[in-house]
C-alpha cells in the first residue's frame, strides 16, 4: 500500500474514534505552596470536547485519500 492510502486509512480511523469518543480529559499538577523541601500541589482535570465536524472532516479526507490511492494503482 502506498503512503497516501496508509494516511487515508489512519485519518479514517482517527475520525471514527473522534466521533465515538467525543471528548477526552487529562490531569495536570499545579504547585500551590513550596516551602523549602516541602511542596503542596493540586490536581486539576481539564476536559477537551472534540467537535463533530472534526470527525466528519477526517472521515471525508481519509476516504478521499483512499479513493485517490486506488485510482493511481
PDB file of N, CA and C in Angstrom:
ATOM      1  N   UNK A   1       0.848  -1.171   0.000  1.00  0.00           N
ATOM      2  CA  UNK A   1       0.000   0.000   0.000  1.00  0.00           C
ATOM      3  C   UNK A   1       0.895   1.236   0.000  1.00  0.00           C
ATOM      4  N   UNK A   2       0.523   2.216  -0.798  1.00  0.00           N
ATOM      5  CA  UNK A   2       1.281   3.460  -0.879  1.00  0.00           C
ATOM      6  C   UNK A   2       1.045   4.305   0.369  1.00  0.00           C
ATOM      7  N   UNK A   3       1.955   5.245   0.634  1.00  0.00           N
ATOM      8  CA  UNK A   3       1.780   6.101   1.816  1.00  0.00           C
ATOM      9  C   UNK A   3       0.475   6.889   1.798  1.00  0.00           C
ATOM     10  N   UNK A   4      -0.015   7.265   0.629  1.00  0.00           N
ATOM     11  CA  UNK A   4      -1.267   8.004   0.546  1.00  0.00           C
ATOM     12  C   UNK A   4      -2.426   7.171   1.079  1.00  0.00           C
ATOM     13  N   UNK A   5      -2.473   5.920   0.715  1.00  0.00           N
ATOM     14  CA  UNK A   5      -3.526   5.039   1.199  1.00  0.00           C
ATOM     15  C   UNK A   5      -3.423   4.786   2.692  1.00  0.00           C
ATOM     16  N   UNK A   6      -2.191   4.646   3.186  1.00  0.00           N
ATOM     17  CA  UNK A   6      -1.982   4.418   4.610  1.00  0.00           C
ATOM     18  C   UNK A   6      -2.416   5.635   5.428  1.00  0.00           C
ATOM     19  N   UNK A   7      -2.075   6.821   4.965  1.00  0.00           N
ATOM     20  CA  UNK A   7      -2.501   8.047   5.636  1.00  0.00           C
ATOM     21  C   UNK A   7      -4.026   8.153   5.605  1.00  0.00           C
ATOM     22  N   UNK A   8      -4.629   7.781   4.492  1.00  0.00           N
ATOM     23  CA  UNK A   8      -6.088   7.804   4.384  1.00  0.00           C
ATOM     24  C   UNK A   8      -6.751   6.883   5.385  1.00  0.00           C
ATOM     25  N   UNK A   9      -6.221   5.687   5.536  1.00  0.00           N
ATOM     26  CA  UNK A   9      -6.774   4.727   6.499  1.00  0.00           C
ATOM     27  C   UNK A   9      -6.618   5.264   7.921  1.00  0.00           C
ATOM     28  N   UNK A  10      -5.455   5.841   8.242  1.00  0.00           N
ATOM     29  CA  UNK A  10      -5.241   6.389   9.574  1.00  0.00           C
ATOM     30  C   UNK A  10      -6.191   7.547   9.860  1.00  0.00           C
ATOM     31  N   UNK A  11      -6.373   8.446   8.887  1.00  0.00           N
ATOM     32  CA  UNK A  11      -7.308   9.561   9.079  1.00  0.00           C
ATOM     33  C   UNK A  11      -8.732   9.064   9.262  1.00  0.00           C
ATOM     34  N   UNK A  12      -9.097   8.051   8.517  1.00  0.00           N
ATOM     35  CA  UNK A  12     -10.427   7.466   8.638  1.00  0.00           C
ATOM     36  C   UNK A  12     -10.644   6.891  10.041  1.00  0.00           C
ATOM     37  N   UNK A  13      -9.661   6.169  10.557  1.00  0.00           N
ATOM     38  CA  UNK A  13      -9.775   5.582  11.891  1.00  0.00           C
ATOM     39  C   UNK A  13      -9.797   6.652  12.982  1.00  0.00           C
ATOM     40  N   UNK A  14      -8.975   7.685  12.830  1.00  0.00           N
ATOM     41  CA  UNK A  14      -8.972   8.767  13.821  1.00  0.00           C
ATOM     42  C   UNK A  14     -10.300   9.511  13.796  1.00  0.00           C
ATOM     43  N   UNK A  15     -10.871   9.713  12.614  1.00  0.00           N
ATOM     44  CA  UNK A  15     -12.170  10.370  12.511  1.00  0.00           C
ATOM     45  C   UNK A  15     -13.276   9.578  13.176  1.00  0.00           C
ATOM     46  N   UNK A  16     -13.277   8.272  12.973  1.00  0.00           N
ATOM     47  CA  UNK A  16     -14.272   7.415  13.624  1.00  0.00           C
ATOM     48  C   UNK A  16     -14.080   7.447  15.138  1.00  0.00           C
ATOM     49  N   UNK A  17     -12.825   7.424  15.578  1.00  0.00           N
ATOM     50  CA  UNK A  17     -12.545   7.498  17.016  1.00  0.00           C
ATOM     51  C   UNK A  17     -12.985   8.824  17.617  1.00  0.00           C
ATOM     52  N   UNK A  18     -12.781   9.925  16.882  1.00  0.00           N
ATOM     53  CA  UNK A  18     -13.191  11.246  17.377  1.00  0.00           C
ATOM     54  C   UNK A  18     -14.709  11.321  17.528  1.00  0.00           C
ATOM     55  N   UNK A  19     -15.434  10.723  16.598  1.00  0.00           N
ATOM     56  CA  UNK A  19     -16.892  10.714  16.710  1.00  0.00           C
ATOM     57  C   UNK A  19     -17.365   9.803  17.845  1.00  0.00           C
ATOM     58  N   UNK A  20     -16.676   8.694  18.042  1.00  0.00           N
ATOM     59  CA  UNK A  20     -17.101   7.741  19.075  1.00  0.00           C
ATOM     60  C   UNK A  20     -16.806   8.266  20.482  1.00  0.00           C
ATOM     61  N   UNK A  21     -15.652   8.892  20.659  1.00  0.00           N
ATOM     62  CA  UNK A  21     -15.259   9.347  21.992  1.00  0.00           C
ATOM     63  C   UNK A  21     -15.914  10.684  22.322  1.00  0.00           C
ATOM     64  N   UNK A  22     -15.787  11.657  21.451  1.00  0.00           N
ATOM     65  CA  UNK A  22     -16.432  12.948  21.653  1.00  0.00           C
ATOM     66  C   UNK A  22     -15.676  13.918  22.533  1.00  0.00           C
ATOM     67  N   UNK A  23     -15.044  13.446  23.576  1.00  0.00           N
ATOM     68  CA  UNK A  23     -14.247  14.318  24.436  1.00  0.00           C
ATOM     69  C   UNK A  23     -13.228  13.478  25.191  1.00  0.00           C
ATOM     70  N   UNK A  24     -12.165  14.133  25.640  1.00  0.00           N
ATOM     71  CA  UNK A  24     -11.195  13.447  26.471  1.00  0.00           C
ATOM     72  C   UNK A  24     -10.757  14.382  27.590  1.00  0.00           C
ATOM     73  N   UNK A  25     -10.295  13.794  28.687  1.00  0.00           N
ATOM     74  CA  UNK A  25      -9.853  14.574  29.833  1.00  0.00           C
ATOM     75  C   UNK A  25      -8.409  14.232  30.151  1.00  0.00           C
ATOM     76  N   UNK A  26      -7.717  15.193  30.730  1.00  0.00           N
ATOM     77  CA  UNK A  26      -6.362  14.964  31.196  1.00  0.00           C
ATOM     78  C   UNK A  26      -6.163  15.734  32.497  1.00  0.00           C
ATOM     79  N   UNK A  27      -5.188  15.306  33.286  1.00  0.00           N
ATOM     80  CA  UNK A  27      -4.943  15.872  34.599  1.00  0.00           C
ATOM     81  C   UNK A  27      -3.566  16.527  34.628  1.00  0.00           C
ATOM     82  N   UNK A  28      -3.498  17.716  35.241  1.00  0.00           N
ATOM     83  CA  UNK A  28      -2.221  18.395  35.430  1.00  0.00           C
ATOM     84  C   UNK A  28      -2.015  18.650  36.920  1.00  0.00           C
ATOM     85  N   UNK A  29      -0.767  18.700  37.309  1.00  0.00           N
ATOM     86  CA  UNK A  29      -0.400  19.005  38.685  1.00  0.00           C
ATOM     87  C   UNK A  29       0.050  20.462  38.741  1.00  0.00           C
ATOM     88  N   UNK A  30      -0.587  21.235  39.624  1.00  0.00           N
ATOM     89  CA  UNK A  30      -0.253  22.654  39.764  1.00  0.00           C
ATOM     90  C   UNK A  30       0.315  22.877  41.167  1.00  0.00           C
ATOM     91  N   UNK A  31       1.583  23.320  41.255  1.00  0.00           N
ATOM     92  CA  UNK A  31       2.146  23.569  42.587  1.00  0.00           C
ATOM     93  C   UNK A  31       1.477  24.779  43.242  1.00  0.00           C
ATOM     94  N   UNK A  32       1.113  24.632  44.507  1.00  0.00           N
ATOM     95  CA  UNK A  32       0.425  25.700  45.231  1.00  0.00           C
ATOM     96  C   UNK A  32       1.376  26.371  46.218  1.00  0.00           C
ATOM     97  N   UNK A  33       2.058  25.561  47.040  1.00  0.00           N
ATOM     98  CA  UNK A  33       2.955  26.095  48.056  1.00  0.00           C
ATOM     99  C   UNK A  33       4.264  25.328  47.994  1.00  0.00           C
ATOM    100  N   UNK A  34       5.374  26.061  48.068  1.00  0.00           N
ATOM    101  CA  UNK A  34       6.690  25.444  48.127  1.00  0.00           C
ATOM    102  C   UNK A  34       7.471  26.116  49.247  1.00  0.00           C
ATOM    103  N   UNK A  35       7.644  25.390  50.348  1.00  0.00           N
ATOM    104  CA  UNK A  35       8.387  25.904  51.498  1.00  0.00           C
ATOM    105  C   UNK A  35       9.556  24.964  51.734  1.00  0.00           C
ATOM    106  N   UNK A  36      10.742  25.394  51.341  1.00  0.00           N
ATOM    107  CA  UNK A  36      11.927  24.553  51.485  1.00  0.00           C
ATOM    108  C   UNK A  36      11.759  23.279  50.673  1.00  0.00           C
ATOM    109  N   UNK A  37      12.027  22.124  51.298  1.00  0.00           N
ATOM    110  CA  UNK A  37      11.885  20.863  50.564  1.00  0.00           C
ATOM    111  C   UNK A  37      10.443  20.369  50.477  1.00  0.00           C
ATOM    112  N   UNK A  38       9.530  21.005  51.200  1.00  0.00           N
ATOM    113  CA  UNK A  38       8.129  20.581  51.186  1.00  0.00           C
ATOM    114  C   UNK A  38       7.359  21.342  50.115  1.00  0.00           C
ATOM    115  N   UNK A  39       6.568  20.625  49.345  1.00  0.00           N
ATOM    116  CA  UNK A  39       5.730  21.254  48.327  1.00  0.00           C
ATOM    117  C   UNK A  39       4.313  20.686  48.423  1.00  0.00           C
ATOM    118  N   UNK A  40       3.371  21.523  48.091  1.00  0.00           N
ATOM    119  CA  UNK A  40       1.972  21.088  48.029  1.00  0.00           C
ATOM    120  C   UNK A  40       1.459  21.404  46.628  1.00  0.00           C
ATOM    121  N   UNK A  41       0.735  20.474  46.069  1.00  0.00           N
ATOM    122  CA  UNK A  41       0.218  20.677  44.720  1.00  0.00           C
ATOM    123  C   UNK A  41      -1.245  20.245  44.650  1.00  0.00           C
ATOM    124  N   UNK A  42      -1.904  20.746  43.618  1.00  0.00           N
ATOM    125  CA  UNK A  42      -3.315  20.449  43.393  1.00  0.00           C
ATOM    126  C   UNK A  42      -3.447  19.808  42.022  1.00  0.00           C
ATOM    127  N   UNK A  43      -4.241  18.764  41.931  1.00  0.00           N
ATOM    128  CA  UNK A  43      -4.520  18.129  40.644  1.00  0.00           C
ATOM    129  C   UNK A  43      -5.721  18.820  40.005  1.00  0.00           C
ATOM    130  N   UNK A  44      -5.552  19.230  38.765  1.00  0.00           N
ATOM    131  CA  UNK A  44      -6.643  19.860  38.025  1.00  0.00           C
ATOM    132  C   UNK A  44      -6.995  18.995  36.826  1.00  0.00           C
ATOM    133  N   UNK A  45      -8.284  18.734  36.644  1.00  0.00           N
ATOM    134  CA  UNK A  45      -8.740  17.993  35.480  1.00  0.00           C
ATOM    135  C   UNK A  45      -9.215  18.967  34.417  1.00  0.00           C
ATOM    136  N   UNK A  46      -8.772  18.716  33.187  1.00  0.00           N
ATOM    137  CA  UNK A  46      -9.176  19.527  32.056  1.00  0.00           C
ATOM    138  C   UNK A  46      -9.906  18.626  31.065  1.00  0.00           C
ATOM    139  N   UNK A  47     -10.958  19.146  30.471  1.00  0.00           N
ATOM    140  CA  UNK A  47     -11.746  18.386  29.508  1.00  0.00           C
ATOM    141  C   UNK A  47     -11.723  19.115  28.169  1.00  0.00           C
ATOM    142  N   UNK A  48     -11.471  18.359  27.104  1.00  0.00           N
ATOM    143  CA  UNK A  48     -11.441  18.915  25.755  1.00  0.00           C
ATOM    144  C   UNK A  48     -12.522  18.214  24.936  1.00  0.00           C
ATOM    145  N   UNK A  49     -13.451  18.999  24.417  1.00  0.00           N
ATOM    146  CA  UNK A  49     -14.523  18.447  23.585  1.00  0.00           C
ATOM    147  C   UNK A  49     -14.086  18.487  22.124  1.00  0.00           C
ATOM    148  N   UNK A  50     -14.258  17.375  21.430  1.00  0.00           N
ATOM    149  CA  UNK A  50     -13.924  17.302  20.010  1.00  0.00           C
ATOM    150  C   UNK A  50     -15.190  17.579  19.200  1.00  0.00           C
ATOM    151  N   UNK A  51     -15.169  18.608  18.349  1.00  0.00           N
ATOM    152  CA  UNK A  51     -16.373  18.908  17.574  1.00  0.00           C
ATOM    153  C   UNK A  51     -16.668  17.808  16.549  1.00  0.00           C
ATOM    154  N   UNK A  52     -17.944  17.601  16.297  1.00  0.00           N
ATOM    155  CA  UNK A  52     -18.348  16.566  15.338  1.00  0.00           C
ATOM    156  C   UNK A  52     -17.813  16.852  13.939  1.00  0.00           C
ATOM    157  N   UNK A  53     -17.710  18.127  13.576  1.00  0.00           N
ATOM    158  CA  UNK A  53     -17.229  18.474  12.240  1.00  0.00           C
ATOM    159  C   UNK A  53     -15.794  17.996  12.040  1.00  0.00           C
ATOM    160  N   UNK A  54     -15.012  17.936  13.114  1.00  0.00           N
ATOM    161  CA  UNK A  54     -13.651  17.418  13.019  1.00  0.00           C
ATOM    162  C   UNK A  54     -13.670  15.941  12.626  1.00  0.00           C
ATOM    163  N   UNK A  55     -14.505  15.157  13.294  1.00  0.00           N
ATOM    164  CA  UNK A  55     -14.602  13.737  12.977  1.00  0.00           C
ATOM    165  C   UNK A  55     -15.091  13.498  11.565  1.00  0.00           C
ATOM    166  N   UNK A  56     -16.140  14.229  11.160  1.00  0.00           N
ATOM    167  CA  UNK A  56     -16.657  14.064   9.802  1.00  0.00           C
ATOM    168  C   UNK A  56     -15.629  14.503   8.764  1.00  0.00           C
ATOM    169  N   UNK A  57     -14.918  15.589   9.055  1.00  0.00           N
ATOM    170  CA  UNK A  57     -13.896  16.075   8.118  1.00  0.00           C
ATOM    171  C   UNK A  57     -12.772  15.071   7.944  1.00  0.00           C
ATOM    172  N   UNK A  58     -12.319  14.468   9.037  1.00  0.00           N
ATOM    173  CA  UNK A  58     -11.263  13.462   8.944  1.00  0.00           C
ATOM    174  C   UNK A  58     -11.727  12.231   8.174  1.00  0.00           C
ATOM    175  N   UNK A  59     -12.974  11.831   8.374  1.00  0.00           N
ATOM    176  CA  UNK A  59     -13.511  10.675   7.644  1.00  0.00           C
ATOM    177  C   UNK A  59     -13.578  10.986   6.150  1.00  0.00           C
ATOM    178  N   UNK A  60     -14.031  12.179   5.789  1.00  0.00           N
ATOM    179  CA  UNK A  60     -14.141  12.550   4.368  1.00  0.00           C
ATOM    180  C   UNK A  60     -12.765  12.622   3.718  1.00  0.00           C
ATOM    181  N   UNK A  61     -11.810  13.286   4.379  1.00  0.00           N
ATOM    182  CA  UNK A  61     -10.468  13.405   3.806  1.00  0.00           C
ATOM    183  C   UNK A  61      -9.800  12.034   3.711  1.00  0.00           C
ATOM    184  N   UNK A  62      -9.952  11.206   4.743  1.00  0.00           N
ATOM    185  CA  UNK A  62      -9.384   9.851   4.694  1.00  0.00           C
ATOM    186  C   UNK A  62      -9.990   9.023   3.582  1.00  0.00           C
ATOM    187  N   UNK A  63     -11.309   9.119   3.400  1.00  0.00           N
ATOM    188  CA  UNK A  63     -11.964   8.384   2.308  1.00  0.00           C
ATOM    189  C   UNK A  63     -11.492   8.857   0.942  1.00  0.00           C
ATOM    190  N   UNK A  64     -11.332  10.173   0.789  1.00  0.00           N
ATOM    191  CA  UNK A  64     -10.834  10.699  -0.489  1.00  0.00           C
ATOM    192  C   UNK A  64      -9.418  10.223  -0.787  1.00  0.00           C
ATOM    193  N   UNK A  65      -8.570  10.190   0.229  1.00  0.00           N
ATOM    194  CA  UNK A  65      -7.209   9.708   0.022  1.00  0.00           C
ATOM    195  C   UNK A  65      -7.189   8.232  -0.367  1.00  0.00           C
ATOM    196  N   UNK A  66      -8.065   7.439   0.228  1.00  0.00           N
ATOM    197  CA  UNK A  66      -8.132   6.018  -0.124  1.00  0.00           C
ATOM    198  C   UNK A  66      -8.603   5.856  -1.565  1.00  0.00           C
ATOM    199  N   UNK A  67      -9.624   6.618  -1.958  1.00  0.00           N
ATOM    200  CA  UNK A  67     -10.131   6.535  -3.331  1.00  0.00           C
ATOM    201  C   UNK A  67      -9.066   6.984  -4.327  1.00  0.00           C
ATOM    202  N   UNK A  68      -8.381   8.082  -4.018  1.00  0.00           N
ATOM    203  CA  UNK A  68      -7.325   8.563  -4.918  1.00  0.00           C
ATOM    204  C   UNK A  68      -6.177   7.571  -5.002  1.00  0.00           C
ATOM    205  N   UNK A  69      -5.875   6.891  -3.924  1.00  0.00           N
ATOM    206  CA  UNK A  69      -4.813   5.875  -3.934  1.00  0.00           C
ATOM    207  C   UNK A  69      -5.192   4.700  -4.822  1.00  0.00           C
ATOM    208  N   UNK A  70      -6.468   4.298  -4.824  1.00  0.00           N
ATOM    209  CA  UNK A  70      -6.890   3.179  -5.667  1.00  0.00           C
ATOM    210  C   UNK A  70      -6.873   3.547  -7.135  1.00  0.00           C
ATOM    211  N   UNK A  71      -7.173   4.803  -7.454  1.00  0.00           N
ATOM    212  CA  UNK A  71      -7.183   5.248  -8.848  1.00  0.00           C
ATOM    213  C   UNK A  71      -5.769   5.304  -9.422  1.00  0.00           C
ATOM    214  N   UNK A  72      -4.761   5.580  -8.575  1.00  0.00           N
ATOM    215  CA  UNK A  72      -3.386   5.672  -9.051  1.00  0.00           C
ATOM    216  C   UNK A  72      -2.796   4.314  -9.387  1.00  0.00           C
ATOM    217  N   UNK A  73      -3.285   3.249  -8.748  1.00  0.00           N
ATOM    218  CA  UNK A  73      -2.685   1.934  -8.979  1.00  0.00           C
ATOM    219  C   UNK A  73      -3.271   1.236 -10.163  1.00  0.00           C
TER     220      UNK A  73
END
